[in-house]
């Protein structure tokens, strides 16, 4: 988990984004600030296994050029949130394949990498489209 978090933070820095890590209340939502090219991550988030996904999600907002402040809400309510979720999923999947991590079932991958259950259908699609990398 720590290696993945470090990979994602380095990825953000390589993209020219700033990274701030806070230790706030466990309900304080991480966010992306496009005007400052900055992601702000609450490392005390209530679901620690979800932190890598959150980091990737916030990177996705900056990559997409989403304006204003984009808070991680843990649900997909808008198309920009969905796109940030998909960006995170693909970023983590890329990391996993570079590590030669292989999973036969989408749920195994999701559990190993803290992917939220709302992403199940997207993970199934990702496995179908990349089955030569996973099995």
Protein backbone atom coordinates (compact mmCIF):
# COMPACT_ATOMS: atom_id res chain seq x y z
CA UNK A 1 0.00 0.00 0.00
CA UNK A 2 2.76 2.46 0.92
CA UNK A 3 4.61 1.75 -2.34
CA UNK A 4 1.45 2.47 -4.33
CA UNK A 5 0.82 5.69 -2.42
CA UNK A 6 4.41 6.80 -3.05
CA UNK A 7 4.05 5.92 -6.75
CA UNK A 8 0.88 8.00 -7.03
CA UNK A 9 2.35 10.98 -5.18
CA UNK A 10 5.44 10.85 -7.40
CA UNK A 11 3.18 10.61 -10.44
CA UNK A 12 1.37 13.77 -9.32
CA UNK A 13 4.67 15.58 -8.85
CA UNK A 14 5.89 14.40 -12.26
CA UNK A 15 2.77 15.98 -13.78
CA UNK A 16 3.73 19.30 -12.17
CA UNK A 17 1.09 19.09 -9.45
CA UNK A 18 1.68 20.03 -5.85
CA UNK A 19 0.80 17.60 -3.09
CA UNK A 20 -0.26 18.46 0.44
CA UNK A 21 -0.90 15.76 3.01
CA UNK A 22 -3.05 16.62 5.99
CA UNK A 23 -4.03 14.65 9.06
CA UNK A 24 -7.55 15.96 9.67
CA UNK A 25 -10.75 14.49 11.05
CA UNK A 26 -11.51 11.14 9.41
CA UNK A 27 -14.47 12.68 7.55
CA UNK A 28 -12.46 15.55 6.04
CA UNK A 29 -12.59 15.01 2.30
CA UNK A 30 -9.49 15.18 0.13
CA UNK A 31 -9.65 17.64 -2.74
CA UNK A 32 -8.06 18.99 -5.89
CA UNK A 33 -7.55 22.70 -6.50
CA UNK A 34 -7.08 23.36 -10.21
CA UNK A 35 -6.18 27.02 -9.68
CA UNK A 36 -3.18 25.97 -7.59
CA UNK A 37 -2.46 22.70 -9.44
CA UNK A 38 -2.60 21.05 -6.01
CA UNK A 39 -4.06 17.90 -4.53
CA UNK A 40 -4.78 17.90 -0.81
CA UNK A 41 -4.99 14.45 0.74
CA UNK A 42 -6.35 13.68 4.20
CA UNK A 43 -4.16 10.77 5.29
CA UNK A 44 -6.52 10.19 8.23
CA UNK A 45 -9.48 9.29 5.94
CA UNK A 46 -11.87 6.86 7.62
CA UNK A 47 -11.16 4.10 5.08
CA UNK A 48 -7.37 3.85 4.91
CA UNK A 49 -7.39 1.21 2.18
CA UNK A 50 -9.13 3.72 -0.10
CA UNK A 51 -6.32 6.31 0.11
CA UNK A 52 -4.56 5.27 -3.11
CA UNK A 53 -7.85 5.44 -5.01
CA UNK A 54 -8.53 8.89 -3.55
CA UNK A 55 -5.09 10.15 -4.57
CA UNK A 56 -5.62 8.88 -8.11
CA UNK A 57 -9.10 10.40 -8.15
CA UNK A 58 -7.78 13.84 -7.22
CA UNK A 59 -5.01 13.55 -9.81
CA UNK A 60 -7.75 12.74 -12.32
CA UNK A 61 -9.51 16.03 -11.58
CA UNK A 62 -6.35 17.99 -12.31
CA UNK A 63 -5.52 15.98 -15.42
CA UNK A 64 -9.06 16.62 -16.69
CA UNK A 65 -8.73 20.33 -15.98
CA UNK A 66 -11.75 20.42 -13.66
CA UNK A 67 -12.09 23.98 -12.42
CA UNK A 68 -12.56 25.07 -8.85
CA UNK A 69 -12.29 22.81 -5.87
CA UNK A 70 -13.18 19.16 -6.37
CA UNK A 71 -13.80 17.30 -3.12
CA UNK A 72 -13.71 13.52 -2.92
CA UNK A 73 -17.18 12.44 -1.88
CA UNK A 74 -16.94 8.66 -2.11
CA UNK A 75 -19.87 8.42 -4.47
CA UNK A 76 -20.25 9.09 -8.17
CA UNK A 77 -22.77 11.88 -8.61
CA UNK A 78 -21.58 13.69 -11.71
CA UNK A 79 -19.80 12.83 -14.93
CA UNK A 80 -16.67 14.66 -13.77
CA UNK A 81 -16.61 12.54 -10.60
CA UNK A 82 -17.09 9.39 -12.67
CA UNK A 83 -14.26 10.40 -14.97
CA UNK A 84 -11.94 11.07 -12.01
CA UNK A 85 -12.90 7.64 -10.61
CA UNK A 86 -12.07 5.97 -13.93
CA UNK A 87 -8.78 7.85 -14.16
CA UNK A 88 -7.82 6.58 -10.71
CA UNK A 89 -8.83 3.03 -11.55
CA UNK A 90 -6.73 3.03 -14.70
CA UNK A 91 -3.75 4.59 -12.95
CA UNK A 92 -3.85 1.92 -10.23
CA UNK A 93 -4.38 -0.83 -12.79
CA UNK A 94 -1.32 0.39 -14.68
CA UNK A 95 0.69 0.28 -11.45
CA UNK A 96 -0.53 -3.26 -10.71
CA UNK A 97 0.42 -4.55 -14.15
CA UNK A 98 3.88 -2.95 -13.83
CA UNK A 99 4.25 -4.88 -10.56
CA UNK A 100 3.18 -8.07 -12.38
CA UNK A 101 0.32 -8.45 -9.93
CA UNK A 102 -2.13 -10.93 -11.41
CA UNK A 103 -5.70 -11.50 -10.28
CA UNK A 104 -8.24 -13.91 -11.68
CA UNK A 105 -11.24 -12.09 -10.27
CA UNK A 106 -12.05 -8.37 -10.35
CA UNK A 107 -13.05 -8.50 -6.69
CA UNK A 108 -9.56 -9.75 -5.72
CA UNK A 109 -7.97 -6.81 -7.50
CA UNK A 110 -10.42 -4.40 -5.90
CA UNK A 111 -9.73 -5.70 -2.42
CA UNK A 112 -5.95 -5.71 -2.90
CA UNK A 113 -5.92 -2.10 -4.13
CA UNK A 114 -8.74 -0.51 -2.13
CA UNK A 115 -10.99 0.09 -5.13
CA UNK A 116 -14.50 1.13 -3.96
CA UNK A 117 -17.33 -1.31 -4.66
CA UNK A 118 -19.11 1.29 -6.83
CA UNK A 119 -16.35 0.64 -9.39
CA UNK A 120 -17.11 -3.07 -9.79
CA UNK A 121 -18.62 -2.84 -13.29
CA UNK A 122 -15.73 -0.67 -14.49
CA UNK A 123 -13.21 -3.17 -13.07
CA UNK A 124 -15.00 -6.04 -14.84
CA UNK A 125 -14.78 -4.07 -18.10
CA UNK A 126 -11.11 -3.35 -17.47
CA UNK A 127 -10.43 -7.06 -16.90
CA UNK A 128 -12.28 -7.99 -20.09
CA UNK A 129 -10.31 -5.48 -22.13
CA UNK A 130 -6.98 -6.52 -20.63
CA UNK A 131 -7.42 -10.23 -20.01
CA UNK A 132 -4.06 -11.01 -21.58
CA UNK A 133 -2.37 -8.96 -18.83
CA UNK A 134 -4.28 -10.50 -15.93
CA UNK A 135 -4.46 -14.25 -16.39
